[in-house]
Protein backbone atom coordinates (compact mmCIF):
# COMPACT_ATOMS: atom_id res chain seq x y z
CA MET A 1 179.63 60.95 122.89
CA THR A 2 180.16 57.56 121.25
CA GLN A 3 177.15 55.31 121.58
CA PRO A 4 177.76 52.12 123.64
CA LEU A 5 178.09 48.89 121.72
CA ARG A 6 174.99 46.76 122.15
CA LEU A 7 176.06 43.23 123.04
CA ALA A 8 174.08 40.01 123.47
CA VAL A 9 175.18 36.66 124.86
CA ALA A 10 173.94 33.37 123.42
CA GLY A 11 174.34 30.52 125.88
CA CYS A 12 174.02 31.08 129.61
CA GLY A 13 176.11 28.16 130.87
CA ALA A 14 179.13 28.15 133.14
CA ILE A 15 181.51 30.24 131.04
CA ALA A 16 178.93 32.98 130.50
CA GLN A 17 178.09 33.05 134.20
CA LEU A 18 181.69 32.98 135.43
CA ALA A 19 183.35 35.22 132.84
CA HIS A 20 181.38 36.95 130.09
CA LEU A 21 178.50 38.38 132.10
CA PRO A 22 180.47 39.61 135.16
CA VAL A 23 183.07 41.27 132.94
CA LEU A 24 180.69 42.80 130.39
CA ALA A 25 178.33 44.10 133.08
CA LYS A 26 181.14 46.35 134.38
CA MET A 27 182.81 47.24 131.08
CA ARG A 28 182.67 50.84 129.91
CA GLY A 29 181.42 51.57 126.43
CA VAL A 30 179.23 48.49 126.12
CA GLN A 31 175.65 47.68 126.99
CA LEU A 32 174.39 44.17 127.61
CA VAL A 33 171.01 44.26 125.90
CA ALA A 34 169.93 40.61 125.64
CA LEU A 35 170.56 37.05 126.74
CA CYS A 36 169.55 33.95 124.79
CA ASP A 37 169.29 30.43 126.17
CA ASN A 38 166.94 27.51 125.60
CA GLU A 39 166.36 27.47 129.36
CA GLY A 40 164.31 30.64 129.64
CA ALA A 41 164.12 30.62 133.43
CA ARG A 42 167.89 30.49 133.75
CA ALA A 43 168.33 33.31 131.25
CA ARG A 44 165.69 35.42 133.03
CA ALA A 45 167.37 34.93 136.41
CA LEU A 46 170.74 35.96 134.99
CA ALA A 47 169.19 38.91 133.18
CA ASP A 48 167.71 40.14 136.46
CA ARG A 49 171.04 39.66 138.23
CA PHE A 50 173.06 41.57 135.64
CA GLU A 51 170.33 44.08 134.70
CA VAL A 52 169.94 42.89 131.11
CA PRO A 53 166.62 44.09 129.62
CA ASP A 54 165.70 41.32 127.14
CA VAL A 55 165.65 37.53 127.20
CA PHE A 56 165.17 35.16 124.27
CA THR A 57 164.95 31.39 123.94
CA ASP A 58 165.42 31.47 120.15
CA LEU A 59 168.52 33.03 118.58
CA GLU A 60 166.78 33.88 115.30
CA GLU A 61 164.21 35.94 117.20
CA LEU A 62 166.99 37.83 118.97
CA LEU A 63 168.72 38.59 115.66
CA GLU A 64 165.47 39.60 113.97
CA ALA A 65 164.88 42.16 116.72
CA ASP A 66 167.71 44.22 115.19
CA SER A 67 168.78 45.44 118.63
CA VAL A 68 172.38 44.14 118.84
CA ASP A 69 175.71 45.17 117.32
CA ALA A 70 177.66 42.09 118.38
CA LEU A 71 177.02 38.62 119.75
CA ILE A 72 179.00 36.46 122.18
CA VAL A 73 178.46 32.79 121.27
CA ALA A 74 178.89 30.55 124.32
CA THR A 75 176.54 27.72 123.36
CA PRO A 76 177.49 24.01 123.23
CA ASN A 77 180.25 23.23 120.71
CA HIS A 78 178.07 21.74 117.96
CA LEU A 79 176.01 24.95 117.84
CA HIS A 80 178.95 27.33 117.39
CA GLU A 81 179.08 27.17 113.61
CA PRO A 82 175.32 27.52 112.93
CA HIS A 83 174.95 30.28 115.52
CA VAL A 84 177.90 32.25 114.15
CA LEU A 85 176.58 31.87 110.60
CA SER A 86 173.14 33.11 111.70
CA ALA A 87 174.68 36.18 113.32
CA LEU A 88 176.74 36.96 110.22
CA ARG A 89 173.67 36.69 107.99
CA ALA A 90 172.00 39.21 110.28
CA GLY A 91 174.94 41.61 109.93
CA VAL A 92 176.17 41.11 113.49
CA ASP A 93 179.83 40.82 114.57
CA VAL A 94 180.74 37.77 116.68
CA LEU A 95 183.06 36.59 119.41
CA CYS A 96 182.75 32.79 119.54
CA GLU A 97 184.04 30.55 122.29
CA ARG A 98 186.46 27.89 121.04
CA PRO A 99 186.18 25.87 118.90
CA LEU A 100 184.83 28.04 116.09
CA ALA A 101 183.45 24.87 114.43
CA LEU A 102 183.78 21.12 114.90
CA THR A 103 185.66 20.62 111.62
CA SER A 104 188.24 22.49 109.57
CA ARG A 105 185.68 22.75 106.74
CA GLY A 106 183.31 24.34 109.22
CA VAL A 107 185.93 26.92 110.20
CA GLU A 108 186.47 27.67 106.50
CA ARG A 109 182.73 28.15 106.00
CA VAL A 110 182.60 30.65 108.85
CA LEU A 111 185.59 32.59 107.53
CA ALA A 112 184.05 32.72 104.04
CA ALA A 113 180.71 33.91 105.46
CA ALA A 114 182.42 36.62 107.51
CA GLN A 115 184.29 37.89 104.47
CA LYS A 116 181.13 37.87 102.35
CA SER A 117 179.11 39.71 104.98
CA GLY A 118 181.82 42.23 105.79
CA ARG A 119 181.46 41.43 109.48
CA LYS A 120 184.10 40.46 112.05
CA VAL A 121 184.53 37.08 113.77
CA LEU A 122 186.90 36.54 116.67
CA VAL A 123 187.59 33.31 118.57
CA GLY A 124 187.68 33.09 122.35
CA ASN A 125 191.26 31.92 122.82
CA ASN A 126 191.39 33.71 126.15
CA HIS A 127 194.63 32.06 127.26
CA ARG A 128 196.53 34.15 124.69
CA PHE A 129 195.47 37.21 126.70
CA ARG A 130 196.80 36.04 130.07
CA SER A 131 199.46 38.39 131.40
CA ASP A 132 201.94 35.54 131.97
CA VAL A 133 201.37 34.26 128.41
CA GLN A 134 201.89 37.76 127.02
CA GLY A 135 205.16 37.97 128.94
CA LEU A 136 206.26 34.57 127.66
CA SER A 137 205.37 35.60 124.11
CA ARG A 138 207.67 38.61 124.36
CA PHE A 139 210.62 36.44 125.46
CA VAL A 140 209.97 34.01 122.61
CA SER A 141 209.26 36.51 119.83
CA THR A 142 212.36 38.60 120.53
CA GLY A 143 214.58 35.52 120.41
CA GLU A 144 215.98 36.30 123.85
CA LEU A 145 215.91 32.60 124.77
CA GLY A 146 217.12 31.43 121.37
CA ARG A 147 215.19 29.11 119.08
CA VAL A 148 212.11 27.29 120.39
CA VAL A 149 212.83 23.56 120.30
CA GLY A 150 209.93 22.12 122.27
CA VAL A 151 206.74 22.62 124.24
CA ARG A 152 205.59 20.33 127.06
CA ALA A 153 202.10 20.90 128.42
CA GLY A 154 199.27 19.10 130.11
CA ALA A 155 196.20 19.27 132.32
CA TYR A 156 194.68 16.74 134.71
CA ALA A 157 191.21 17.25 136.17
CA PRO A 158 188.36 15.18 137.65
CA ARG A 159 185.65 13.95 135.30
CA PRO A 160 183.07 16.71 134.63
CA PRO A 161 179.36 16.24 135.39
CA GLN A 162 177.17 14.44 132.88
CA GLY A 163 175.87 16.66 130.09
CA TRP A 164 176.56 17.65 126.49
CA ARG A 165 180.33 17.64 127.07
CA GLN A 166 180.13 13.87 127.56
CA ARG A 167 178.41 13.27 124.20
CA ARG A 168 180.68 13.23 121.16
CA ALA A 169 178.05 14.42 118.68
CA GLU A 170 177.49 17.61 120.66
CA ALA A 171 180.94 18.22 122.13
CA GLY A 172 183.08 17.07 119.21
CA GLY A 173 185.59 15.67 121.68
CA GLY A 174 186.18 15.16 125.36
CA ALA A 175 189.18 15.79 127.57
CA PHE A 176 191.41 16.94 124.74
CA LEU A 177 188.94 19.37 123.21
CA GLU A 178 188.02 20.70 126.66
CA GLN A 179 191.50 20.87 128.21
CA GLY A 180 193.95 20.37 125.37
CA PHE A 181 192.60 22.81 122.77
CA ASN A 182 194.03 25.87 124.51
CA LEU A 183 197.36 24.08 125.06
CA LEU A 184 197.59 23.17 121.38
CA ASP A 185 196.56 26.68 120.32
CA LEU A 186 199.19 28.24 122.58
CA ALA A 187 201.92 25.89 121.33
CA LEU A 188 201.12 26.72 117.70
CA TRP A 189 200.69 30.45 118.41
CA LEU A 190 204.01 30.74 120.27
CA SER A 191 205.74 28.89 117.42
CA ASN A 192 204.29 31.46 114.99
CA PHE A 193 202.24 28.62 113.53
CA ALA A 194 205.16 26.61 112.24
CA GLN A 195 204.06 24.04 109.68
CA PRO A 196 202.81 20.80 111.31
CA VAL A 197 204.72 17.76 110.02
CA ARG A 198 203.41 14.64 111.75
CA VAL A 199 201.45 13.57 114.80
CA SER A 200 200.88 10.47 116.91
CA ALA A 201 198.33 10.09 119.70
CA HIS A 202 196.87 7.65 122.18
CA MET A 203 193.52 8.02 123.91
CA THR A 204 191.09 6.16 126.14
CA ARG A 205 187.36 6.65 125.68
CA GLY A 206 184.44 6.22 128.03
CA ARG A 207 181.78 3.59 127.48
CA GLY A 208 179.22 3.79 124.71
CA ALA A 209 179.25 4.54 120.99
CA ASN A 210 178.88 8.28 121.58
CA ALA A 211 181.44 8.49 124.39
CA VAL A 212 184.24 11.05 124.31
CA GLU A 213 187.87 10.52 125.24
CA GLU A 214 188.83 10.70 128.89
CA THR A 215 192.61 10.84 128.33
CA MET A 216 194.85 11.83 125.44
CA LEU A 217 198.61 11.76 124.96
CA VAL A 218 199.87 13.60 121.86
CA GLY A 219 203.24 13.88 120.15
CA LEU A 220 203.35 16.58 117.47
CA GLU A 221 206.29 17.57 115.28
CA LEU A 222 206.42 21.05 113.73
CA GLU A 223 208.70 22.31 111.00
CA GLY A 224 212.17 23.16 112.30
CA ASP A 225 212.41 20.07 114.55
CA LEU A 226 210.07 21.62 117.10
CA ALA A 227 208.51 18.89 119.26
CA VAL A 228 205.24 19.39 121.14
CA GLY A 229 204.06 16.96 123.83
CA LEU A 230 200.52 17.27 125.25
CA ASP A 231 199.05 15.13 128.05
CA VAL A 232 195.46 15.61 129.24
CA SER A 233 193.01 13.70 131.40
CA TRP A 234 189.68 14.34 133.01
CA ALA A 235 189.67 10.96 134.74
CA TYR A 236 192.31 12.12 137.20
CA VAL A 237 192.16 10.92 140.79
CA GLY A 238 194.27 13.25 142.89
CA GLU A 239 194.20 15.86 145.60
CA ARG A 240 193.83 18.78 143.19
CA GLU A 241 193.73 19.66 139.52
CA ARG A 242 197.08 19.96 137.76
CA SER A 243 198.20 21.92 134.72
CA TRP A 244 201.55 22.90 133.24
CA PHE A 245 203.01 24.62 130.19
CA GLU A 246 206.75 24.83 129.52
CA VAL A 247 208.66 26.11 126.51
CA LEU A 248 212.13 24.73 125.85
CA CYS A 249 214.53 26.94 123.88
CA SER A 250 218.12 26.68 122.68
CA ARG A 251 219.33 29.22 125.26
CA GLY A 252 216.75 28.99 127.99
CA SER A 253 213.33 27.83 129.11
CA ALA A 254 210.11 29.26 130.49
CA ARG A 255 207.02 27.96 132.25
CA LEU A 256 203.66 29.43 133.09
CA ALA A 257 201.43 29.97 136.12
CA PRO A 258 203.32 31.92 137.28
CA LEU A 259 205.80 32.95 134.59
CA ARG A 260 209.30 31.70 135.34
CA VAL A 261 212.10 32.27 132.83
CA VAL A 262 215.64 30.88 132.91
CA LYS A 263 218.28 32.09 130.45
CA GLU A 264 221.77 30.84 129.76
CA LEU A 265 224.28 33.59 130.58
CA ASN A 266 228.03 32.95 130.44
CA GLY A 267 227.36 29.24 130.31
CA ARG A 268 225.19 29.19 133.45
CA PRO A 269 221.38 29.18 133.95
CA VAL A 270 220.12 32.48 135.41
CA ASP A 271 216.58 33.27 136.57
CA VAL A 272 215.44 36.28 134.53
CA SER A 273 211.74 36.06 135.44
CA PRO A 274 210.01 39.45 135.27
CA SER A 275 208.66 40.84 138.52
CA GLY A 276 205.48 42.83 138.94
CA ALA A 277 202.53 43.56 141.16
CA SER A 278 199.90 40.91 141.63
CA ALA A 279 196.93 41.18 139.32
CA ARG A 280 193.66 42.29 140.88
CA ASP A 281 191.87 39.39 139.16
CA SER A 282 192.60 35.71 138.90
CA ALA A 283 194.42 34.70 135.71
CA PHE A 284 191.08 33.33 134.50
CA LEU A 285 189.13 36.58 134.91
CA GLN A 286 192.07 38.72 133.79
CA SER A 287 192.30 36.79 130.52
CA TYR A 288 188.60 37.27 129.77
CA ARG A 289 188.70 40.92 130.74
CA SER A 290 191.58 41.49 128.29
CA GLU A 291 190.00 39.35 125.57
CA LEU A 292 186.66 41.18 125.74
CA ALA A 293 188.39 44.56 125.82
CA HIS A 294 190.27 43.51 122.68
CA PHE A 295 187.00 42.46 121.01
CA VAL A 296 185.41 45.83 121.75
CA ALA A 297 188.52 47.69 120.54
CA VAL A 298 188.45 45.74 117.27
CA LEU A 299 184.77 46.54 116.73
CA ARG A 300 185.41 50.23 117.38
CA GLY A 301 188.32 50.26 114.92
CA GLU A 302 190.83 51.07 117.67
CA THR A 303 192.71 47.78 117.08
CA PRO A 304 193.29 46.17 113.66
CA TYR A 305 191.08 43.22 112.82
CA GLU A 306 192.83 39.96 111.94
CA PRO A 307 190.53 37.21 110.61
CA PRO A 308 191.14 34.01 112.62
CA THR A 309 192.53 32.04 109.68
CA ASP A 310 194.95 30.34 112.07
CA GLN A 311 191.99 28.39 113.47
CA VAL A 312 191.91 26.37 110.23
CA ILE A 313 195.39 25.11 111.11
CA VAL A 314 194.36 24.31 114.68
CA ALA A 315 191.28 22.44 113.44
CA ARG A 316 193.31 20.42 110.91
CA VAL A 317 195.81 19.42 113.58
CA LEU A 318 192.94 18.44 115.88
CA GLU A 319 191.47 16.25 113.14
CA ALA A 320 194.86 14.60 112.62
CA ILE A 321 195.24 14.00 116.36
CA TYR A 322 191.89 12.21 116.61
CA LYS A 323 192.61 10.24 113.43
CA ALA A 324 196.00 9.16 114.77
CA ALA A 325 194.41 8.05 118.04
CA ASP A 326 191.50 6.24 116.33
CA GLU A 327 193.70 4.45 113.79
CA ARG A 328 196.62 3.95 116.18
CA LYS A 329 199.19 5.15 113.69
CA GLU A 330 201.28 8.20 112.92
CA ILE A 331 199.64 10.76 110.65
CA ARG A 332 201.69 13.01 108.37
CA LEU A 333 200.25 16.45 107.74
């Protein structure tokens, strides 16, 4: 019988509690062997809840114990790069929550370290694994809706509680990095990472020198006259959170949550949305369940490993977006 993969989770915040731990605790073929968090009491309570044997407050001590095959990095953004590099030096494969690093140079350092160590690094772009996104990807990649000409996406949410996400040095960004990263990644991924051409952006920041942006409006042009518009805010005052993602094509259009597809047939728009049974999980949990299953399959050699070189492109576009907003001018890439 194949031995279970020994997994550890670094960072016991919201995403670990809501997604990683509940999914991994029930996943076949894996064993949660350790949690690591600087708040030892929180880690111990979660370890007891999910029957995880070991708890650490120092990542280096966990890695020196030589008891893990792979590490899930879910620590604050500014710690992603150093924690991933530490795991790679210890010969441990990694799944890191987005962003992989706070700069494009940081992403390049991680990729180089992974290649040198012979270990695998994957990035937690869980939205790519949503069933509706997978369905949309099939419509786009087969050309059934014609050429992609635009993406319009956004997310509005109330301001999050005070903490590291509100401090630029630790978070790297605010509303856009928190809400817009996955929208940008999806837009680039669905366009098969068409070459970015130019970008303009406008943002409003909170008070203080270390404040992050509360709103961001982005206009991005990709090669082939593909226009991407992104609109995010976490200073939204409304009855409920809002989010949207729509792809405009030469012979149709599609939007997410749920997937709705319209195709031009005989000169008329026709709803060709796929039908199917409701998922047993929410889209959120389903995406993490599929992402973690993919991670395990890659580590077992059941699915080919693809180094996340595309995250260099995402990081460079992010840097251009913030530069365009800071300098209030269009940036050519």
